[in-house]
C-alpha atoms as a PDB file:
ATOM      1  CA  MET A   1      88.656  40.787   0.575  1.00  0.00           C
ATOM      2  CA  LYS A   2      90.783  42.901   2.881  1.00  0.00           C
ATOM      3  CA  ASP A   3      88.415  45.808   2.159  1.00  0.00           C
ATOM      4  CA  CYS A   4      85.519  43.625   3.366  1.00  0.00           C
ATOM      5  CA  GLY A   5      87.263  43.072   6.683  1.00  0.00           C
ATOM      6  CA  VAL A   6      88.445  39.508   6.103  1.00  0.00           C
ATOM      7  CA  PRO A   7      91.605  38.949   8.183  1.00  0.00           C
ATOM      8  CA  GLU A   8      94.642  38.569   5.926  1.00  0.00           C
ATOM      9  CA  GLU A   9      95.644  35.223   7.446  1.00  0.00           C
ATOM     10  CA  GLU A  10      92.175  33.850   6.591  1.00  0.00           C
ATOM     11  CA  ILE A  11      92.088  34.975   2.950  1.00  0.00           C
ATOM     12  CA  LYS A  12      94.170  32.041   1.713  1.00  0.00           C
ATOM     13  CA  GLU A  13      91.523  29.637   3.045  1.00  0.00           C
ATOM     14  CA  PHE A  14      89.042  30.868   0.419  1.00  0.00           C
ATOM     15  CA  VAL A  15      90.645  28.625  -2.208  1.00  0.00           C
ATOM     16  CA  ASN A  16      88.351  26.012  -0.648  1.00  0.00           C
ATOM     17  CA  PRO A  17      84.767  26.673  -1.872  1.00  0.00           C
ATOM     18  CA  ASP A  18      83.359  25.438   1.444  1.00  0.00           C
ATOM     19  CA  LYS A  19      85.009  28.389   3.175  1.00  0.00           C
ATOM     20  CA  TRP A  20      82.699  30.751   1.277  1.00  0.00           C
ATOM     21  CA  LEU A  21      79.669  28.762   2.462  1.00  0.00           C
ATOM     22  CA  THR A  22      80.684  28.966   6.092  1.00  0.00           C
ATOM     23  CA  TYR A  23      82.127  32.490   6.249  1.00  0.00           C
ATOM     24  CA  PHE A  24      79.736  34.849   4.463  1.00  0.00           C
ATOM     25  CA  PRO A  25      76.167  33.718   5.297  1.00  0.00           C
ATOM     26  CA  ALA A  26      76.336  35.233   8.790  1.00  0.00           C
ATOM     27  CA  TYR A  27      77.280  38.609   7.292  1.00  0.00           C
ATOM     28  CA  GLY A  28      74.468  38.395   4.735  1.00  0.00           C
ATOM     29  CA  LYS A  29      72.005  37.607   7.516  1.00  0.00           C
ATOM     30  CA  GLN A  30      73.328  40.537   9.549  1.00  0.00           C
ATOM     31  CA  ASP A  31      72.896  42.917   6.601  1.00  0.00           C
ATOM     32  CA  LEU A  32      69.358  41.714   5.857  1.00  0.00           C
ATOM     33  CA  LYS A  33      68.420  42.282   9.489  1.00  0.00           C
ATOM     34  CA  LYS A  34      69.780  45.854   9.197  1.00  0.00           C
ATOM     35  CA  PHE A  35      67.370  46.396   6.285  1.00  0.00           C
ATOM     36  CA  GLY A  36      64.581  45.502   8.697  1.00  0.00           C
ATOM     37  CA  LEU A  37      63.424  42.434   6.785  1.00  0.00           C
ATOM     38  CA  GLY A  38      61.211  39.994   8.657  1.00  0.00           C
ATOM     39  CA  ILE A  39      62.742  36.642   7.769  1.00  0.00           C
ATOM     40  CA  ASP A  40      62.079  33.286   9.405  1.00  0.00           C
ATOM     41  CA  TRP A  41      65.702  32.178   9.720  1.00  0.00           C
ATOM     42  CA  ARG A  42      64.638  28.711  10.913  1.00  0.00           C
ATOM     43  CA  ARG A  43      63.989  27.855   7.279  1.00  0.00           C
ATOM     44  CA  SER A  44      67.417  28.957   6.075  1.00  0.00           C
ATOM     45  CA  PHE A  45      69.588  26.364   4.363  1.00  0.00           C
ATOM     46  CA  ILE A  46      72.293  25.990   1.718  1.00  0.00           C
ATOM     47  CA  THR A  47      70.965  25.266  -1.780  1.00  0.00           C
ATOM     48  CA  THR A  48      74.047  23.688  -3.335  1.00  0.00           C
ATOM     49  CA  ALA A  49      75.449  20.173  -3.624  1.00  0.00           C
ATOM     50  CA  HIS A  50      77.116  20.926  -0.264  1.00  0.00           C
ATOM     51  CA  ASN A  51      73.714  20.150   1.290  1.00  0.00           C
ATOM     52  CA  LYS A  52      73.390  16.476   0.317  1.00  0.00           C
ATOM     53  CA  TYR A  53      69.694  16.230   1.265  1.00  0.00           C
ATOM     54  CA  TYR A  54      68.673  19.267  -0.775  1.00  0.00           C
ATOM     55  CA  ASP A  55      70.852  18.130  -3.683  1.00  0.00           C
ATOM     56  CA  ALA A  56      69.271  14.651  -3.632  1.00  0.00           C
ATOM     57  CA  PHE A  57      65.782  16.182  -3.641  1.00  0.00           C
ATOM     58  CA  ILE A  58      66.554  18.446  -6.614  1.00  0.00           C
ATOM     59  CA  ARG A  59      68.095  15.566  -8.564  1.00  0.00           C
ATOM     60  CA  TRP A  60      65.041  13.406  -7.823  1.00  0.00           C
ATOM     61  CA  GLN A  61      62.704  16.234  -8.834  1.00  0.00           C
ATOM     62  CA  PHE A  62      64.455  16.839 -12.160  1.00  0.00           C
ATOM     63  CA  ASN A  63      64.610  13.119 -12.946  1.00  0.00           C
ATOM     64  CA  ILE A  64      60.843  12.809 -12.375  1.00  0.00           C
ATOM     65  CA  LEU A  65      60.122  15.903 -14.484  1.00  0.00           C
ATOM     66  CA  HIS A  66      62.411  14.619 -17.253  1.00  0.00           C
ATOM     67  CA  LYS A  67      60.706  11.195 -17.300  1.00  0.00           C
ATOM     68  CA  LYS A  68      57.343  12.978 -17.657  1.00  0.00           C
ATOM     69  CA  SER A  69      58.736  15.087 -20.553  1.00  0.00           C
ATOM     70  CA  LYS A  70      58.257  18.275 -18.515  1.00  0.00           C
ATOM     71  CA  THR A  71      61.811  19.513 -19.160  1.00  0.00           C
ATOM     72  CA  ALA A  72      63.302  20.653 -22.438  1.00  0.00           C
ATOM     73  CA  PHE A  73      66.563  21.991 -23.768  1.00  0.00           C
ATOM     74  CA  GLY A  74      66.744  24.681 -26.369  1.00  0.00           C
ATOM     75  CA  LYS A  75      67.297  28.312 -27.168  1.00  0.00           C
ATOM     76  CA  ARG A  76      65.538  31.033 -25.236  1.00  0.00           C
ATOM     77  CA  PRO A  77      65.705  34.814 -25.120  1.00  0.00           C
ATOM     78  CA  ALA A  78      68.195  36.328 -22.694  1.00  0.00           C
ATOM     79  CA  VAL A  79      69.330  39.796 -21.690  1.00  0.00           C
ATOM     80  CA  PHE A  80      72.894  40.388 -22.882  1.00  0.00           C
ATOM     81  CA  SER A  81      75.296  43.011 -21.540  1.00  0.00           C
ATOM     82  CA  ILE A  82      77.448  44.599 -24.228  1.00  0.00           C
ATOM     83  CA  ILE A  83      79.514  46.196 -21.454  1.00  0.00           C
ATOM     84  CA  SER A  84      80.624  42.926 -19.842  1.00  0.00           C
ATOM     85  CA  ASN A  85      80.060  40.806 -22.978  1.00  0.00           C
ATOM     86  CA  ASN A  86      78.018  38.380 -20.914  1.00  0.00           C
ATOM     87  CA  VAL A  87      74.482  37.079 -20.473  1.00  0.00           C
ATOM     88  CA  CYS A  88      72.657  38.685 -17.530  1.00  0.00           C
ATOM     89  CA  ALA A  89      70.529  36.028 -15.826  1.00  0.00           C
ATOM     90  CA  ASP A  90      67.532  36.980 -13.672  1.00  0.00           C
ATOM     91  CA  HIS A  91      69.488  36.576 -10.437  1.00  0.00           C
ATOM     92  CA  ASP A  92      72.193  38.920 -11.774  1.00  0.00           C
ATOM     93  CA  ARG A  93      69.781  41.848 -12.093  1.00  0.00           C
END
């Protein structure tokens, strides 16, 4: 984290997961702007349980889909990395 420019006295605060949510998004936004991406930042929000309104909506949505038998559990194909001995999900690639 020192290599990323995080002040040493602030590093210990990252034991709290909320610190990650408040510290890094501004840097991600800054980097995306450097790429020249045209993003409507007014629609930016946190998509974790930290955002209670979003979390409630997702829970409601999945409960409705489950009641309508639109969700299922089971095996599915996945890309597997023999180097890291781990499944590589879509967002990892």
